[in-house]
N, C-alpha and C. Protein backbone atom coordinates (compact mmCIF):
# COMPACT_ATOMS: atom_id res chain seq x y z
N MET A 1 49.15 39.75 45.23
CA MET A 1 48.18 38.68 45.24
C MET A 1 48.93 37.35 45.37
N TYR A 2 48.30 36.40 46.06
CA TYR A 2 48.84 35.06 46.22
C TYR A 2 48.10 34.14 45.24
N TYR A 3 48.80 33.14 44.72
CA TYR A 3 48.19 32.21 43.76
C TYR A 3 48.42 30.78 44.21
N TRP A 4 47.38 29.96 44.04
CA TRP A 4 47.45 28.55 44.36
C TRP A 4 47.06 27.75 43.13
N GLN A 5 47.73 26.63 42.95
CA GLN A 5 47.35 25.69 41.91
C GLN A 5 46.54 24.59 42.58
N VAL A 6 45.37 24.30 42.02
CA VAL A 6 44.49 23.26 42.53
C VAL A 6 44.48 22.14 41.49
N ARG A 7 44.64 20.90 41.95
CA ARG A 7 44.68 19.78 41.02
C ARG A 7 44.33 18.49 41.75
N LYS A 8 44.03 17.48 40.96
CA LYS A 8 43.73 16.16 41.52
C LYS A 8 44.99 15.31 41.66
N TYR A 9 46.12 15.81 41.18
CA TYR A 9 47.38 15.09 41.20
C TYR A 9 48.20 15.45 42.43
N PRO A 10 48.94 14.48 42.98
CA PRO A 10 49.82 14.83 44.11
C PRO A 10 51.01 15.67 43.65
N PRO A 11 51.58 16.44 44.55
CA PRO A 11 52.76 17.25 44.20
C PRO A 11 53.99 16.36 44.06
N LEU A 12 55.06 16.96 43.57
CA LEU A 12 56.34 16.25 43.52
C LEU A 12 56.74 15.87 44.94
N LYS A 13 57.36 14.72 45.07
CA LYS A 13 57.89 14.33 46.37
C LYS A 13 59.24 14.98 46.55
N GLU A 14 59.64 15.12 47.80
CA GLU A 14 60.93 15.74 48.10
C GLU A 14 62.04 15.03 47.34
N GLY A 15 62.86 15.80 46.64
CA GLY A 15 63.96 15.25 45.88
C GLY A 15 63.63 14.93 44.43
N GLU A 16 62.33 14.90 44.08
CA GLU A 16 61.93 14.63 42.69
C GLU A 16 62.04 15.91 41.87
N GLU A 17 62.58 15.78 40.68
CA GLU A 17 62.61 16.93 39.77
C GLU A 17 61.50 16.83 38.74
N ASN A 18 61.16 15.60 38.37
CA ASN A 18 60.09 15.35 37.41
C ASN A 18 59.13 14.34 38.01
N LYS A 19 57.89 14.54 37.72
CA LYS A 19 56.87 13.64 38.20
C LYS A 19 56.92 12.34 37.41
N PRO A 20 56.81 11.21 38.09
CA PRO A 20 56.72 9.95 37.34
C PRO A 20 55.42 9.95 36.53
N LYS A 21 55.47 9.43 35.33
CA LYS A 21 54.29 9.38 34.46
C LYS A 21 53.36 8.27 34.93
N ILE A 22 52.21 8.65 35.43
CA ILE A 22 51.18 7.71 35.86
C ILE A 22 49.98 7.93 34.95
N PRO A 23 49.55 6.90 34.24
CA PRO A 23 48.40 7.09 33.36
C PRO A 23 47.16 7.49 34.16
N THR A 24 46.59 8.63 33.82
CA THR A 24 45.39 9.12 34.50
C THR A 24 44.60 9.98 33.53
N TRP A 25 43.35 10.17 33.83
CA TRP A 25 42.52 10.99 32.95
C TRP A 25 42.75 12.46 33.23
N THR A 26 42.58 13.28 32.19
CA THR A 26 42.83 14.72 32.32
C THR A 26 41.75 15.57 31.68
N SER A 27 40.68 14.94 31.19
CA SER A 27 39.67 15.70 30.44
C SER A 27 38.36 14.93 30.40
N ILE A 28 37.30 15.65 30.12
CA ILE A 28 35.99 15.02 29.96
C ILE A 28 36.01 13.99 28.83
N ILE A 29 36.85 14.21 27.83
CA ILE A 29 36.89 13.26 26.70
C ILE A 29 37.48 11.91 27.09
N ASP A 30 37.99 11.80 28.31
CA ASP A 30 38.53 10.53 28.79
C ASP A 30 37.46 9.62 29.39
N ILE A 31 36.23 10.12 29.50
CA ILE A 31 35.15 9.27 30.02
C ILE A 31 35.03 8.05 29.10
N GLY A 32 34.99 6.87 29.73
CA GLY A 32 34.91 5.62 28.99
C GLY A 32 36.26 4.98 28.73
N ARG A 33 37.34 5.72 28.89
CA ARG A 33 38.68 5.16 28.71
C ARG A 33 39.12 4.48 30.00
N THR A 34 40.05 3.55 29.86
CA THR A 34 40.51 2.76 31.00
C THR A 34 41.86 3.26 31.49
N TYR A 35 41.96 3.45 32.81
CA TYR A 35 43.19 3.88 33.47
C TYR A 35 43.42 2.96 34.66
N ASN A 36 44.59 2.36 34.70
CA ASN A 36 44.94 1.41 35.77
C ASN A 36 43.87 0.33 35.93
N GLY A 37 43.34 -0.15 34.80
CA GLY A 37 42.37 -1.23 34.81
C GLY A 37 40.95 -0.82 35.14
N VAL A 38 40.70 0.48 35.30
CA VAL A 38 39.36 0.95 35.66
C VAL A 38 38.88 1.95 34.62
N SER A 39 37.66 1.75 34.14
CA SER A 39 37.07 2.65 33.16
C SER A 39 36.51 3.89 33.87
N LEU A 40 36.85 5.08 33.35
CA LEU A 40 36.33 6.32 33.93
C LEU A 40 34.87 6.48 33.54
N SER A 41 34.00 6.49 34.53
CA SER A 41 32.56 6.65 34.29
C SER A 41 32.18 8.13 34.35
N MET A 42 31.01 8.44 33.79
CA MET A 42 30.51 9.82 33.87
C MET A 42 30.30 10.22 35.32
N SER A 43 29.80 9.30 36.14
CA SER A 43 29.54 9.66 37.54
C SER A 43 30.84 9.92 38.30
N GLU A 44 31.90 9.14 38.02
CA GLU A 44 33.19 9.38 38.66
C GLU A 44 33.77 10.71 38.19
N TYR A 45 33.66 10.98 36.89
CA TYR A 45 34.14 12.25 36.36
C TYR A 45 33.42 13.41 37.06
N LEU A 46 32.09 13.34 37.12
CA LEU A 46 31.31 14.42 37.74
C LEU A 46 31.63 14.58 39.22
N ALA A 47 31.93 13.49 39.90
CA ALA A 47 32.29 13.59 41.33
C ALA A 47 33.58 14.39 41.51
N ILE A 48 34.58 14.12 40.69
CA ILE A 48 35.85 14.86 40.80
C ILE A 48 35.63 16.32 40.37
N GLU A 49 34.91 16.52 39.28
CA GLU A 49 34.62 17.88 38.83
C GLU A 49 33.89 18.66 39.93
N GLY A 50 33.00 18.00 40.62
CA GLY A 50 32.27 18.63 41.72
C GLY A 50 33.18 19.10 42.84
N LYS A 51 34.30 18.39 43.04
CA LYS A 51 35.27 18.82 44.06
C LYS A 51 35.88 20.17 43.68
N TYR A 52 36.13 20.38 42.39
CA TYR A 52 36.67 21.67 41.94
C TYR A 52 35.63 22.78 42.15
N VAL A 53 34.37 22.49 41.85
CA VAL A 53 33.30 23.46 42.10
C VAL A 53 33.27 23.80 43.58
N ASN A 54 33.33 22.78 44.44
CA ASN A 54 33.32 23.01 45.89
C ASN A 54 34.52 23.82 46.34
N ALA A 55 35.69 23.56 45.74
CA ALA A 55 36.90 24.30 46.10
C ALA A 55 36.72 25.79 45.85
N VAL A 56 36.13 26.14 44.71
CA VAL A 56 35.89 27.55 44.38
C VAL A 56 34.91 28.15 45.38
N GLU A 57 33.83 27.43 45.66
CA GLU A 57 32.84 27.92 46.62
C GLU A 57 33.46 28.13 48.00
N ILE A 58 34.27 27.18 48.43
CA ILE A 58 34.91 27.28 49.75
C ILE A 58 35.77 28.54 49.84
N TYR A 59 36.62 28.76 48.84
CA TYR A 59 37.52 29.91 48.93
C TYR A 59 36.73 31.22 48.82
N MET A 60 35.77 31.26 47.89
CA MET A 60 34.97 32.49 47.74
C MET A 60 34.21 32.81 49.02
N ASN A 61 33.59 31.81 49.61
CA ASN A 61 32.85 32.04 50.85
C ASN A 61 33.76 32.49 51.98
N SER A 62 34.97 31.94 52.03
CA SER A 62 35.88 32.29 53.12
C SER A 62 36.34 33.74 53.06
N ILE A 63 36.35 34.33 51.87
CA ILE A 63 36.77 35.73 51.75
C ILE A 63 35.61 36.65 51.38
N GLN A 64 34.39 36.13 51.51
CA GLN A 64 33.18 36.93 51.30
C GLN A 64 33.08 37.50 49.88
N VAL A 65 33.38 36.68 48.88
CA VAL A 65 33.21 37.06 47.48
C VAL A 65 31.99 36.30 46.95
N HIS A 66 31.07 37.03 46.29
CA HIS A 66 29.81 36.41 45.86
C HIS A 66 29.52 36.58 44.38
N GLU A 67 30.39 37.32 43.66
CA GLU A 67 30.21 37.44 42.22
C GLU A 67 31.57 37.52 41.54
N LEU A 68 31.61 37.05 40.29
CA LEU A 68 32.84 37.06 39.52
C LEU A 68 32.58 37.67 38.15
N GLU A 69 33.55 38.43 37.66
CA GLU A 69 33.49 39.03 36.33
C GLU A 69 34.25 38.14 35.36
N VAL A 70 33.68 37.90 34.18
CA VAL A 70 34.30 37.10 33.13
C VAL A 70 35.19 38.00 32.29
N TYR A 71 36.39 37.51 32.00
CA TYR A 71 37.33 38.30 31.21
C TYR A 71 38.08 37.38 30.24
N LEU A 72 38.29 37.86 29.04
CA LEU A 72 39.03 37.15 27.99
C LEU A 72 38.43 35.78 27.68
N ILE A 73 37.13 35.72 27.51
CA ILE A 73 36.50 34.42 27.26
C ILE A 73 36.76 33.95 25.84
N SER A 74 37.01 32.68 25.74
CA SER A 74 37.17 31.99 24.47
C SER A 74 36.38 30.70 24.59
N LYS A 75 35.58 30.39 23.59
CA LYS A 75 34.73 29.20 23.67
C LYS A 75 35.17 28.14 22.67
N LEU A 76 35.00 26.89 23.07
CA LEU A 76 35.22 25.77 22.18
C LEU A 76 34.30 25.93 20.97
N ARG A 77 34.77 25.52 19.81
CA ARG A 77 33.92 25.62 18.61
C ARG A 77 32.58 24.96 18.87
N GLU A 78 31.53 25.58 18.40
CA GLU A 78 30.18 25.10 18.68
C GLU A 78 29.97 23.65 18.25
N GLU A 79 30.58 23.24 17.14
CA GLU A 79 30.41 21.85 16.67
C GLU A 79 30.97 20.87 17.71
N LEU A 80 32.13 21.19 18.27
CA LEU A 80 32.71 20.31 19.28
C LEU A 80 31.90 20.33 20.57
N PHE A 81 31.41 21.52 20.94
CA PHE A 81 30.58 21.63 22.13
C PHE A 81 29.32 20.77 21.97
N THR A 82 28.70 20.82 20.81
CA THR A 82 27.51 20.01 20.54
C THR A 82 27.85 18.52 20.61
N GLU A 83 29.02 18.13 20.11
CA GLU A 83 29.45 16.73 20.21
C GLU A 83 29.57 16.31 21.67
N HIS A 84 30.12 17.18 22.50
CA HIS A 84 30.24 16.87 23.94
C HIS A 84 28.86 16.67 24.56
N ILE A 85 27.93 17.54 24.22
CA ILE A 85 26.57 17.44 24.78
C ILE A 85 25.96 16.09 24.44
N LEU A 86 26.13 15.67 23.18
CA LEU A 86 25.55 14.40 22.74
C LEU A 86 26.29 13.19 23.32
N LYS A 87 27.59 13.28 23.46
CA LYS A 87 28.39 12.15 23.93
C LYS A 87 28.31 11.97 25.45
N TYR A 88 28.16 13.10 26.20
CA TYR A 88 28.14 13.05 27.66
C TYR A 88 26.88 13.73 28.20
N PRO A 89 25.71 13.19 27.88
CA PRO A 89 24.45 13.89 28.21
C PRO A 89 24.24 14.15 29.70
N LYS A 90 24.73 13.28 30.58
CA LYS A 90 24.54 13.50 32.01
C LYS A 90 25.37 14.68 32.52
N CYS A 91 26.34 15.11 31.74
CA CYS A 91 27.21 16.20 32.15
C CYS A 91 26.68 17.57 31.72
N TYR A 92 25.71 17.60 30.84
CA TYR A 92 25.27 18.87 30.25
C TYR A 92 23.78 19.10 30.46
N SER A 93 23.45 19.69 31.61
CA SER A 93 22.06 20.10 31.83
C SER A 93 21.75 21.27 30.89
N GLN A 94 20.49 21.55 30.71
CA GLN A 94 20.12 22.69 29.86
C GLN A 94 20.67 23.99 30.42
N GLU A 95 20.74 24.10 31.75
CA GLU A 95 21.31 25.32 32.37
C GLU A 95 22.77 25.51 31.99
N ILE A 96 23.55 24.43 31.98
CA ILE A 96 24.96 24.53 31.61
C ILE A 96 25.10 24.91 30.14
N VAL A 97 24.28 24.29 29.29
CA VAL A 97 24.30 24.62 27.85
C VAL A 97 23.94 26.09 27.66
N ASP A 98 22.89 26.55 28.34
CA ASP A 98 22.48 27.96 28.23
C ASP A 98 23.60 28.88 28.71
N SER A 99 24.31 28.48 29.77
CA SER A 99 25.41 29.29 30.27
C SER A 99 26.50 29.44 29.22
N TYR A 100 26.82 28.35 28.55
CA TYR A 100 27.84 28.38 27.49
C TYR A 100 27.49 29.46 26.46
N TYR A 101 26.25 29.47 26.04
CA TYR A 101 25.84 30.41 24.99
C TYR A 101 25.72 31.85 25.48
N SER A 102 25.43 32.04 26.75
CA SER A 102 25.22 33.41 27.25
C SER A 102 26.51 34.07 27.77
N LEU A 103 27.54 33.30 28.06
CA LEU A 103 28.77 33.87 28.60
C LEU A 103 29.45 34.80 27.62
N GLN A 104 29.89 35.95 28.14
CA GLN A 104 30.64 36.89 27.32
C GLN A 104 31.53 37.73 28.24
N ASP A 105 32.52 38.37 27.64
CA ASP A 105 33.38 39.25 28.43
C ASP A 105 32.53 40.27 29.18
N GLY A 106 32.88 40.47 30.43
CA GLY A 106 32.17 41.45 31.24
C GLY A 106 30.97 40.90 31.99
N SER A 107 30.56 39.66 31.69
CA SER A 107 29.43 39.07 32.41
C SER A 107 29.75 39.01 33.90
N LEU A 108 28.78 39.34 34.73
CA LEU A 108 28.91 39.17 36.18
C LEU A 108 28.14 37.92 36.57
N LEU A 109 28.82 37.00 37.23
CA LEU A 109 28.23 35.72 37.57
C LEU A 109 28.04 35.58 39.08
N THR A 110 26.95 34.95 39.47
CA THR A 110 26.68 34.65 40.88
C THR A 110 26.11 33.24 40.97
N GLY A 111 26.08 32.70 42.17
CA GLY A 111 25.42 31.43 42.45
C GLY A 111 25.72 30.31 41.47
N LYS A 112 24.65 29.71 40.93
CA LYS A 112 24.77 28.57 40.00
C LYS A 112 25.54 28.94 38.75
N GLN A 113 25.53 30.21 38.35
CA GLN A 113 26.29 30.62 37.16
C GLN A 113 27.78 30.37 37.37
N ILE A 114 28.25 30.56 38.59
CA ILE A 114 29.67 30.31 38.89
C ILE A 114 29.94 28.82 38.81
N GLU A 115 29.06 28.00 39.35
CA GLU A 115 29.23 26.55 39.23
C GLU A 115 29.31 26.15 37.76
N HIS A 116 28.41 26.69 36.94
CA HIS A 116 28.39 26.33 35.52
C HIS A 116 29.69 26.70 34.82
N ILE A 117 30.20 27.89 35.07
CA ILE A 117 31.44 28.28 34.39
C ILE A 117 32.63 27.47 34.89
N VAL A 118 32.64 27.08 36.16
CA VAL A 118 33.71 26.22 36.65
C VAL A 118 33.66 24.88 35.91
N ARG A 119 32.48 24.32 35.79
CA ARG A 119 32.34 23.04 35.06
C ARG A 119 32.75 23.21 33.60
N LEU A 120 32.30 24.26 32.95
CA LEU A 120 32.67 24.50 31.55
C LEU A 120 34.17 24.72 31.41
N GLY A 121 34.77 25.40 32.37
CA GLY A 121 36.22 25.64 32.34
C GLY A 121 37.01 24.35 32.55
N MET A 122 36.58 23.51 33.49
CA MET A 122 37.29 22.26 33.73
C MET A 122 37.16 21.33 32.53
N ARG A 123 36.07 21.44 31.79
CA ARG A 123 35.85 20.61 30.60
C ARG A 123 36.54 21.18 29.36
N GLU A 124 37.16 22.34 29.52
CA GLU A 124 37.82 23.05 28.42
C GLU A 124 36.84 23.47 27.33
N ASP A 125 35.56 23.63 27.71
CA ASP A 125 34.55 24.17 26.80
C ASP A 125 34.69 25.68 26.71
N VAL A 126 35.18 26.30 27.76
CA VAL A 126 35.49 27.74 27.76
C VAL A 126 36.86 27.93 28.40
N ALA A 127 37.54 28.95 27.95
CA ALA A 127 38.78 29.39 28.60
C ALA A 127 38.56 30.86 28.93
N CYS A 128 38.86 31.24 30.15
CA CYS A 128 38.69 32.63 30.56
C CYS A 128 39.36 32.83 31.90
N GLN A 129 39.37 34.07 32.32
CA GLN A 129 39.76 34.38 33.69
C GLN A 129 38.56 35.02 34.35
N LEU A 130 38.44 34.78 35.63
CA LEU A 130 37.35 35.32 36.42
C LEU A 130 37.96 36.08 37.58
N ARG A 131 37.32 37.19 37.95
CA ARG A 131 37.84 37.89 39.12
C ARG A 131 36.77 38.71 39.81
N ASN A 132 37.09 39.06 41.04
CA ASN A 132 36.30 39.98 41.81
C ASN A 132 37.26 41.07 42.26
N GLY A 133 37.28 42.17 41.50
CA GLY A 133 38.20 43.27 41.79
C GLY A 133 39.61 42.75 41.95
N ASP A 134 40.29 43.21 42.98
CA ASP A 134 41.64 42.71 43.25
C ASP A 134 41.63 41.72 44.42
N LYS A 135 40.43 41.20 44.74
CA LYS A 135 40.28 40.34 45.90
C LYS A 135 40.38 38.84 45.56
N PHE A 136 39.91 38.45 44.37
CA PHE A 136 39.84 37.03 44.03
C PHE A 136 40.01 36.86 42.53
N PHE A 137 40.70 35.78 42.15
CA PHE A 137 41.03 35.47 40.77
C PHE A 137 40.85 33.97 40.54
N LEU A 138 40.36 33.58 39.37
CA LEU A 138 40.19 32.17 39.03
C LEU A 138 40.55 31.97 37.57
N ASN A 139 41.32 30.93 37.31
CA ASN A 139 41.76 30.62 35.95
C ASN A 139 41.76 29.10 35.77
N PHE A 140 41.38 28.65 34.60
CA PHE A 140 41.37 27.22 34.30
C PHE A 140 42.49 26.90 33.33
N SER A 141 43.18 25.79 33.55
CA SER A 141 44.26 25.35 32.68
C SER A 141 43.90 23.99 32.10
N TYR A 142 44.72 23.54 31.16
CA TYR A 142 44.51 22.22 30.59
C TYR A 142 44.97 21.15 31.58
N ASP A 143 44.64 19.90 31.29
CA ASP A 143 45.03 18.74 32.10
C ASP A 143 44.48 18.79 33.52
N TYR A 144 43.35 19.42 33.68
CA TYR A 144 42.62 19.44 34.94
C TYR A 144 43.35 20.17 36.06
N TYR A 145 43.88 21.33 35.71
CA TYR A 145 44.46 22.24 36.69
C TYR A 145 43.58 23.48 36.79
N MET A 146 43.51 24.06 37.97
CA MET A 146 42.77 25.29 38.19
C MET A 146 43.62 26.17 39.10
N ASP A 147 43.63 27.47 38.84
CA ASP A 147 44.41 28.41 39.63
C ASP A 147 43.48 29.38 40.36
N ILE A 148 43.75 29.55 41.64
CA ILE A 148 43.01 30.50 42.48
C ILE A 148 43.99 31.57 42.92
N GLY A 149 43.57 32.81 42.84
CA GLY A 149 44.36 33.92 43.35
C GLY A 149 43.55 34.69 44.37
N SER A 150 44.22 35.20 45.38
CA SER A 150 43.53 35.98 46.40
C SER A 150 44.53 36.89 47.11
N THR A 151 44.04 38.03 47.55
CA THR A 151 44.88 38.92 48.35
C THR A 151 44.95 38.42 49.79
N ILE A 152 44.12 37.43 50.10
CA ILE A 152 44.02 36.92 51.47
C ILE A 152 44.42 35.44 51.49
N ILE A 153 45.33 35.08 52.36
CA ILE A 153 45.65 33.67 52.57
C ILE A 153 44.66 33.15 53.61
N CYS A 154 43.84 32.24 53.20
CA CYS A 154 42.83 31.70 54.10
C CYS A 154 43.13 30.23 54.37
N GLU A 155 43.89 29.99 55.45
CA GLU A 155 44.35 28.64 55.77
C GLU A 155 43.19 27.65 55.98
N ASP A 156 42.09 28.13 56.56
CA ASP A 156 40.94 27.23 56.77
C ASP A 156 40.38 26.76 55.43
N ALA A 157 40.29 27.66 54.45
CA ALA A 157 39.79 27.29 53.12
C ALA A 157 40.75 26.31 52.45
N ILE A 158 42.03 26.57 52.57
CA ILE A 158 43.03 25.68 51.97
C ILE A 158 42.91 24.28 52.57
N MET A 159 42.74 24.20 53.88
CA MET A 159 42.59 22.90 54.54
C MET A 159 41.30 22.20 54.09
N GLU A 160 40.22 22.96 53.97
CA GLU A 160 38.96 22.37 53.49
C GLU A 160 39.10 21.82 52.08
N ILE A 161 39.80 22.54 51.22
CA ILE A 161 40.02 22.08 49.85
C ILE A 161 40.84 20.80 49.86
N ARG A 162 41.86 20.75 50.68
CA ARG A 162 42.65 19.51 50.80
C ARG A 162 41.79 18.36 51.32
N ASN A 163 40.88 18.67 52.24
CA ASN A 163 39.99 17.64 52.77
C ASN A 163 39.02 17.10 51.72
N LEU A 164 38.81 17.84 50.65
CA LEU A 164 38.00 17.34 49.54
C LEU A 164 38.73 16.24 48.77
N GLY A 165 40.05 16.16 48.96
CA GLY A 165 40.85 15.20 48.22
C GLY A 165 41.61 15.84 47.07
N LEU A 166 41.61 17.16 47.03
CA LEU A 166 42.37 17.88 46.00
C LEU A 166 43.69 18.36 46.61
N PHE A 167 44.63 18.66 45.75
CA PHE A 167 45.91 19.22 46.17
C PHE A 167 45.90 20.70 45.85
N ILE A 168 46.37 21.53 46.76
CA ILE A 168 46.40 22.97 46.55
C ILE A 168 47.73 23.48 47.11
N ASP A 169 48.50 24.10 46.24
CA ASP A 169 49.83 24.57 46.63
C ASP A 169 50.04 26.00 46.17
N LEU A 170 50.68 26.78 47.03
CA LEU A 170 51.02 28.16 46.72
C LEU A 170 52.06 28.19 45.60
N TRP A 171 51.86 29.08 44.61
CA TRP A 171 52.84 29.26 43.55
C TRP A 171 54.12 29.81 44.15
N GLU A 172 55.24 29.30 43.71
CA GLU A 172 56.53 29.76 44.22
C GLU A 172 57.24 30.67 43.22
N TRP A 173 56.56 31.05 42.16
CA TRP A 173 57.16 31.90 41.13
C TRP A 173 56.10 32.91 40.69
N PRO A 174 56.48 33.94 39.95
CA PRO A 174 55.48 34.93 39.51
C PRO A 174 54.40 34.27 38.65
N TYR A 175 53.18 34.71 38.81
CA TYR A 175 52.07 34.18 38.03
C TYR A 175 51.90 35.05 36.79
N GLU A 176 52.52 34.64 35.72
CA GLU A 176 52.56 35.43 34.49
C GLU A 176 51.20 35.55 33.82
N GLY A 177 50.32 34.58 34.03
CA GLY A 177 49.08 34.52 33.29
C GLY A 177 47.98 35.45 33.74
N ASN A 178 48.13 36.15 34.86
CA ASN A 178 47.07 36.99 35.35
C ASN A 178 47.09 38.34 34.63
N VAL A 179 46.20 38.49 33.68
CA VAL A 179 46.18 39.73 32.88
C VAL A 179 45.64 40.90 33.68
N TRP A 180 45.03 40.63 34.84
CA TRP A 180 44.49 41.71 35.65
C TRP A 180 45.53 42.33 36.57
N GLU A 181 46.56 41.60 36.85
CA GLU A 181 47.53 42.04 37.86
C GLU A 181 47.92 43.51 37.68
N ASN A 182 48.25 43.89 36.47
CA ASN A 182 48.66 45.28 36.23
C ASN A 182 47.48 46.24 36.21
N SER A 183 46.29 45.73 35.88
CA SER A 183 45.15 46.63 35.76
C SER A 183 44.56 47.05 37.10
N VAL A 184 44.90 46.33 38.19
CA VAL A 184 44.31 46.65 39.48
C VAL A 184 45.29 47.35 40.41
N GLU A 185 46.50 47.56 39.96
CA GLU A 185 47.48 48.21 40.83
C GLU A 185 47.30 49.72 40.84
């Protein structure tokens, strides 16, 4: 399987070993904070989050995957989740809230359910891995990183994701975090 890291941050430049520290937001809790003289609004946050949702849809559609299985789900404590709902009301439709409560290991997700779990994953409200057999893999990381795995390299999908304004790069080392890798061989 091939793995790509998707992020809103540019990659290291040639010759750089460490990325220069540029103050930027990395979480939903940064809404209202100021970065480079600009306050992060809910609408700006949702626009970037929407690019990640689109990236997942683009890759899934390109390889004809229409459902994902939830595995190893862990949820943010309910008290903190409730605080997020109250603090960022435009980010939490009733459908997203209902998705949070209904998600469990083994759930099969389609359509809007996939959008909801991507949003919940990017917000760090849930941590899990998603997959479709050995064909497609999705994992959310902290600091606004998302990992896509696929048995198929789909250059058109990769280019579309880059055209969204996101960065997507092939992993150059083994992807240790995929708990399914051994189970599908």
